[in-house]
Amino acid sequence: MLARKVSITCAVTGSIQASSMPPHLPITAEQTADAAIGAGEAGAAVVHLHARNPKDERPTRAPEAFSPFLKVIEAESNG
């Protein structure tokens, strides 16, 4: 019997970027970092993340919006 390899992924910021979504949806950079680190500790090999503008909480693709949580994730994870 061959062992199956499985990769667990997690989209901690959800598939729809709206602050009106469930209360556990990470909004701030700190919440996003905490959720991503928690997913990794729970066994996720990959996390899929979105960033939000800290002023209005709207989704943004601006590189500088990712930096606050990526720095924390990098510092506190083994990957």
Protein backbone atom coordinates (compact mmCIF):
# COMPACT_ATOMS: atom_id res chain seq x y z
CA MET A 1 0.00 0.00 0.00
CA LEU A 2 1.37 3.40 -1.00
CA ALA A 3 1.07 6.31 1.38
CA ARG A 4 -0.82 9.31 0.05
CA LYS A 5 0.75 12.71 0.40
CA VAL A 6 -1.65 15.47 1.39
CA SER A 7 -1.10 19.21 1.52
CA ILE A 8 -3.46 21.21 3.70
CA THR A 9 -4.22 24.76 2.61
CA CYS A 10 -6.19 27.43 4.44
CA ALA A 11 -7.68 30.73 3.25
CA VAL A 12 -7.89 32.46 6.63
CA THR A 13 -9.19 35.75 5.24
CA GLY A 14 -12.10 34.05 3.47
CA SER A 15 -13.14 33.98 -0.12
CA ILE A 16 -15.19 37.17 0.03
CA GLN A 17 -13.59 40.31 1.39
CA ALA A 18 -16.30 42.04 3.40
CA SER A 19 -16.24 43.14 7.01
CA SER A 20 -19.95 42.27 7.17
CA MET A 21 -18.96 38.61 6.86
CA PRO A 22 -18.73 36.27 9.86
CA PRO A 23 -17.26 37.77 13.03
CA HIS A 24 -14.22 35.49 12.88
CA LEU A 25 -13.02 36.90 9.56
CA PRO A 26 -9.64 38.58 10.21
CA ILE A 27 -9.77 42.31 9.48
CA THR A 28 -6.61 43.85 10.93
CA ALA A 29 -3.03 42.91 10.10
CA GLU A 30 -2.64 41.53 13.63
CA GLN A 31 -5.74 39.35 13.27
CA THR A 32 -4.58 38.12 9.86
CA ALA A 33 -1.12 37.23 11.19
CA ASP A 34 -2.63 35.42 14.20
CA ALA A 35 -5.03 33.44 11.98
CA ALA A 36 -2.27 32.47 9.54
CA ILE A 37 0.08 31.38 12.32
CA GLY A 38 -2.75 29.42 13.95
CA ALA A 39 -3.51 27.68 10.66
CA GLY A 40 0.14 26.68 10.33
CA GLU A 41 0.21 25.37 13.90
CA ALA A 42 -2.93 23.34 13.10
CA GLY A 43 -1.20 21.70 10.16
CA ALA A 44 -1.72 23.92 7.13
CA ALA A 45 1.22 23.84 4.73
CA VAL A 46 -0.04 26.86 2.76
CA VAL A 47 -2.10 29.89 3.74
CA HIS A 48 -3.87 32.11 1.22
CA LEU A 49 -4.15 35.71 2.43
CA HIS A 50 -5.78 38.96 1.38
CA ALA A 51 -4.92 42.40 2.74
CA ARG A 52 -7.17 45.27 3.76
CA ASN A 53 -6.69 49.01 3.80
CA PRO A 54 -6.32 49.81 7.52
CA LYS A 55 -8.27 53.06 7.12
CA ASP A 56 -11.49 51.71 5.63
CA GLU A 57 -11.10 47.89 5.87
CA ARG A 58 -11.69 47.51 2.12
CA PRO A 59 -9.71 44.88 0.22
CA THR A 60 -6.49 46.11 -1.34
CA ARG A 61 -3.75 44.65 -3.47
CA ALA A 62 -1.26 47.33 -2.46
CA PRO A 63 2.04 45.63 -1.55
CA GLU A 64 2.48 47.84 1.52
CA ALA A 65 -0.78 46.48 2.98
CA PHE A 66 0.70 42.97 3.11
CA SER A 67 3.93 43.93 4.86
CA PRO A 68 2.55 44.33 8.43
CA PHE A 69 1.22 40.78 8.65
CA LEU A 70 3.85 39.09 6.46
CA LYS A 71 6.65 40.33 8.74
CA VAL A 72 4.92 38.87 11.80
CA ILE A 73 4.17 35.55 10.08
CA GLU A 74 7.75 35.24 8.89
CA ALA A 75 9.16 36.03 12.34
CA GLU A 76 6.87 33.61 14.17
CA SER A 77 6.77 30.66 11.78
CA ASN A 78 9.26 28.10 10.59
CA GLY A 79 8.65 28.71 6.94
